[in-house]
């Protein structure tokens, strides 16, 4: 059933809206990119648990990224974004986790780079002064399906292959998928993909089988820095807001949340992010909108047009016969 266009931008609890009675709290991901080290443990854990085929070892001619994007064979994708380091990227000499920095010497700690991405900004044995700073920084981001509140992929699926779970997540049933591809073009984030030689749609399930057993999704379980956090979505949003405030207090004004707002164009995401730059830098749309929001109006107009044509045909027939 198509969503009510008047409710597309208001808060919604998707599981009860889908008909689940006594649904558990909505579960989701909060990915804090400020502590991502680009280890790709999440990618490997996802593949191992879900039986996702390997993506190959092609470095794509850039950085250390051998997957490139979210695909049918990459349900988690760790992006590597290299940026020139500017004065705006310098911060107080304490890492983002709040632990004091050990410079390895007795000299006073100088103002220098903050741990906001790949470790290694400080060469071994050197201080946090200008001589220990590299001229670029890495931004890491482990991307994943957003499990939208208003999911266009659900609206357009003709077979019911895509369904909303009791946890508020969105899952593809590959044994029902007919490979039509409608969901691929409907996704505002470009997440869903068809597997070559298969034709069916594949994406992150938020480890639905593990959730049902009370377990943590494989990617969050494997993340060594807790960059990927899993839990009730309301709790994650509170935790994320506090995290942004902490980073701002520590001199990281560029820290911001993405996908957390239930009043945005998709009703908020079940998987949202803390970013250290504009969404476009990470390959994310700045203002995502559910692509099926205008379908009810379009169908109504099409119906009215069909009725008008039918009435005109009848009038012409009656007028001609008289």
Foldseek 3Di string as FASTA:
>chain_A
DADDLVCQQPADQQLVVQPDDPFDFAKFKEFEQQQDQQPCLLQVLQCVVVVQDDQDCDCVPDDRFSNPAAAQRGQKGKDKFKFFDDPLQWFAQDELVRDHDDQVDDDDADTAGYRRYHPDQAPPNGGRDPVRGDRMDIGIDTDHDFQFSQQLLCVPQPQNQWDQDSNSGIAGNQVRFPLPCPSQVQGLWNNWYADPVRSGIHHDRQPVVQVVVVHHRRSCVRRPRSSMDMDRLVVSLVVQVVSQVSVVVRSQPQWDKAQDACRAQRRGTSYIYTGSHQVVSVVGDNGGHRRCSCVVVVVVVVVVVVVVVVVVVVVVVVVVVD
